[in-house]
Amino acid sequence: MIRRISNTALILSAFAIVTLNGCSGGSDADANRPTRISVSGSVSFKSAPVEGATVTFHPTAVPGTGAFGVTDADGKFVMGTFESSDGVVPGSYKVTITKLEAAASSQPGVDDPNYDPTKPEPEPKNELPEKYSKQHTTDLTVEVGNEPKSDVKFELEG
């Protein structure tokens, strides 16, 4: 009986050690990621700050790692690669910026007899000029070196 408890305790202890060792790998996971540089800036359209826009950095080199950010009420953003605000891998990027309007549903509620599940919802519209939403049409670029950048400004026209 004592031997059985000892074997069970040994197995549970080994399991706990393996599990805890695997869960404490936050810094190990970060160590395996490429170096990232802090990048932040602002987006304006018609001289006004743009709130709620998604800023995406698309690497021009292949393979590459992209980055993303979302603008706040002042049009300011902080870029992240693996997590929000964790920086950008150094390199050259094409930049896309979109702000999709919240499309109102054209359907009644699901409890309504007029509800039609086969009717497609309208596509949300981009509130910014379309040319900034696609990699092949945007003229926005950014170069990220080994020093932090806190003054990246995108002044959209159109």
Protein backbone atom coordinates (compact mmCIF):
# COMPACT_ATOMS: atom_id res chain seq x y z
CA MET A 1 0.00 0.00 0.00
CA ILE A 2 2.77 2.44 0.90
CA ARG A 3 4.62 1.50 -2.30
CA ARG A 4 1.51 2.25 -4.38
CA ILE A 5 1.15 5.71 -2.82
CA SER A 6 4.82 6.41 -3.44
CA ASN A 7 4.54 5.50 -7.13
CA THR A 8 1.44 7.64 -7.49
CA ALA A 9 3.09 10.54 -5.70
CA LEU A 10 6.17 10.15 -7.90
CA ILE A 11 4.09 10.19 -11.09
CA LEU A 12 2.08 13.23 -9.95
CA SER A 13 5.25 15.06 -8.93
CA ALA A 14 6.89 14.37 -12.29
CA PHE A 15 3.75 15.54 -14.09
CA ALA A 16 3.66 18.74 -12.02
CA ILE A 17 7.33 19.49 -12.72
CA VAL A 18 6.91 18.99 -16.47
CA THR A 19 3.72 21.05 -16.55
CA LEU A 20 5.09 23.93 -14.50
CA ASN A 21 8.33 23.96 -16.45
CA GLY A 22 6.36 24.18 -19.71
CA CYS A 23 4.08 26.93 -18.41
CA SER A 24 6.90 29.12 -17.21
CA GLY A 25 8.26 29.52 -20.73
CA GLY A 26 7.12 33.10 -21.31
CA SER A 27 10.66 34.41 -21.48
CA ASP A 28 11.81 31.33 -23.43
CA ALA A 29 9.12 31.96 -26.04
CA ASP A 30 10.18 35.60 -26.28
CA ALA A 31 13.83 34.56 -26.58
CA ASN A 32 12.95 32.54 -29.69
CA ARG A 33 11.28 35.52 -31.35
CA PRO A 34 13.16 38.03 -33.49
CA THR A 35 14.25 41.34 -31.98
CA ARG A 36 11.55 43.98 -32.15
CA ILE A 37 11.84 47.76 -32.11
CA SER A 38 9.26 50.09 -30.54
CA VAL A 39 7.30 51.93 -33.26
CA SER A 40 4.45 54.39 -32.68
CA GLY A 41 2.90 57.26 -34.54
CA SER A 42 -0.34 58.82 -35.74
CA VAL A 43 -2.87 58.70 -38.58
CA SER A 44 -4.83 61.70 -39.85
CA PHE A 45 -7.29 62.16 -42.71
CA LYS A 46 -8.35 65.61 -43.93
CA SER A 47 -6.20 67.05 -41.11
CA ALA A 48 -8.24 65.24 -38.43
CA PRO A 49 -7.05 62.32 -36.27
CA VAL A 50 -8.51 58.95 -37.29
CA GLU A 51 -9.88 56.85 -34.43
CA GLY A 52 -10.33 53.08 -34.72
CA ALA A 53 -8.19 52.54 -37.83
CA THR A 54 -6.13 49.39 -38.25
CA VAL A 55 -2.54 50.07 -39.25
CA THR A 56 -0.74 47.07 -40.77
CA PHE A 57 2.94 46.80 -41.69
CA HIS A 58 3.50 44.27 -44.52
CA PRO A 59 7.15 43.18 -44.91
CA THR A 60 8.62 43.78 -48.36
CA ALA A 61 11.20 41.01 -47.86
CA VAL A 62 10.20 37.35 -47.92
CA PRO A 63 10.13 35.72 -45.46
CA GLY A 64 9.10 38.50 -43.18
CA THR A 65 7.02 39.24 -40.13
CA GLY A 66 4.21 41.80 -40.26
CA ALA A 67 2.97 44.06 -37.48
CA PHE A 68 -0.31 45.75 -36.52
CA GLY A 69 -1.72 48.58 -34.45
CA VAL A 70 -5.05 50.33 -33.85
CA THR A 71 -5.47 54.08 -33.54
CA ASP A 72 -6.96 55.70 -30.45
CA ALA A 73 -9.17 58.82 -30.24
CA ASP A 74 -6.14 61.03 -30.98
CA GLY A 75 -5.19 58.97 -34.05
CA LYS A 76 -2.17 57.53 -32.22
CA PHE A 77 -1.04 53.92 -32.57
CA VAL A 78 1.61 51.58 -31.13
CA MET A 79 2.71 48.67 -33.31
CA GLY A 80 2.92 45.05 -32.24
CA THR A 81 4.13 41.88 -33.94
CA PHE A 82 3.34 38.92 -31.70
CA GLU A 83 1.38 40.81 -29.07
CA SER A 84 -0.17 44.24 -28.84
CA SER A 85 2.52 46.94 -28.59
CA ASP A 86 5.54 44.57 -28.55
CA GLY A 87 7.29 46.35 -31.43
CA VAL A 88 8.29 45.67 -35.04
CA VAL A 89 11.03 43.48 -36.52
CA PRO A 90 13.57 45.75 -38.29
CA GLY A 91 13.03 45.94 -42.06
CA SER A 92 11.15 47.64 -44.89
CA TYR A 93 7.36 47.64 -44.91
CA LYS A 94 4.41 48.67 -47.07
CA VAL A 95 1.68 50.10 -44.87
CA THR A 96 -2.08 49.63 -45.20
CA ILE A 97 -4.62 51.54 -43.14
CA THR A 98 -8.32 50.73 -42.95
CA LYS A 99 -11.25 51.91 -40.88
CA LEU A 100 -14.36 49.83 -41.39
CA GLU A 101 -17.68 51.36 -40.47
CA ALA A 102 -19.90 49.33 -38.22
CA ALA A 103 -22.54 48.14 -40.66
CA ALA A 104 -26.07 48.11 -39.33
CA SER A 105 -27.80 44.80 -39.86
CA SER A 106 -30.38 44.84 -42.60
CA GLN A 107 -32.13 41.90 -40.98
CA PRO A 108 -34.73 41.78 -38.25
CA GLY A 109 -33.84 39.82 -35.11
CA VAL A 110 -33.61 36.03 -35.27
CA ASP A 111 -36.90 35.74 -33.36
CA ASP A 112 -38.71 37.76 -36.06
CA PRO A 113 -40.65 35.66 -38.62
CA ASN A 114 -39.18 37.85 -41.41
CA TYR A 115 -35.63 36.83 -40.49
CA ASP A 116 -33.87 35.17 -43.45
CA PRO A 117 -30.65 33.34 -42.53
CA THR A 118 -29.73 33.03 -46.24
CA LYS A 119 -29.74 36.79 -46.81
CA PRO A 120 -26.15 38.08 -46.74
CA GLU A 121 -25.21 40.94 -44.47
CA PRO A 122 -23.88 44.06 -46.21
CA GLU A 123 -20.10 44.34 -46.43
CA PRO A 124 -18.70 46.97 -44.08
CA LYS A 125 -17.40 50.02 -45.93
CA ASN A 126 -13.93 51.43 -45.51
CA GLU A 127 -14.22 55.03 -44.29
CA LEU A 128 -10.75 55.89 -45.65
CA PRO A 129 -9.62 56.15 -49.29
CA GLU A 130 -9.50 52.68 -50.82
CA LYS A 131 -5.93 53.03 -52.10
CA TYR A 132 -4.60 52.78 -48.53
CA SER A 133 -6.34 49.45 -47.88
CA LYS A 134 -4.36 47.22 -50.27
CA GLN A 135 -0.66 46.39 -50.45
CA HIS A 136 -0.54 46.81 -54.23
CA THR A 137 -2.14 50.28 -54.22
CA THR A 138 -0.83 51.95 -51.06
CA ASP A 139 2.02 54.41 -51.38
CA LEU A 140 2.70 54.34 -47.64
CA THR A 141 6.01 52.82 -46.56
CA VAL A 142 8.12 52.72 -43.43
CA GLU A 143 11.68 51.68 -42.72
CA VAL A 144 12.32 50.23 -39.25
CA GLY A 145 15.96 50.24 -38.14
CA ASN A 146 17.53 49.36 -34.82
CA GLU A 147 16.37 52.51 -32.99
CA PRO A 148 12.84 53.13 -31.62
CA LYS A 149 10.55 55.33 -33.75
CA SER A 150 7.90 57.39 -32.00
CA ASP A 151 7.06 59.92 -34.69
CA VAL A 152 5.72 57.93 -37.66
CA LYS A 153 3.03 60.10 -39.25
CA PHE A 154 0.58 58.98 -41.91
CA GLU A 155 -1.38 61.91 -43.36
CA LEU A 156 -3.93 60.35 -45.69
CA GLU A 157 -5.21 62.22 -48.73
CA GLY A 158 -8.21 61.76 -50.94
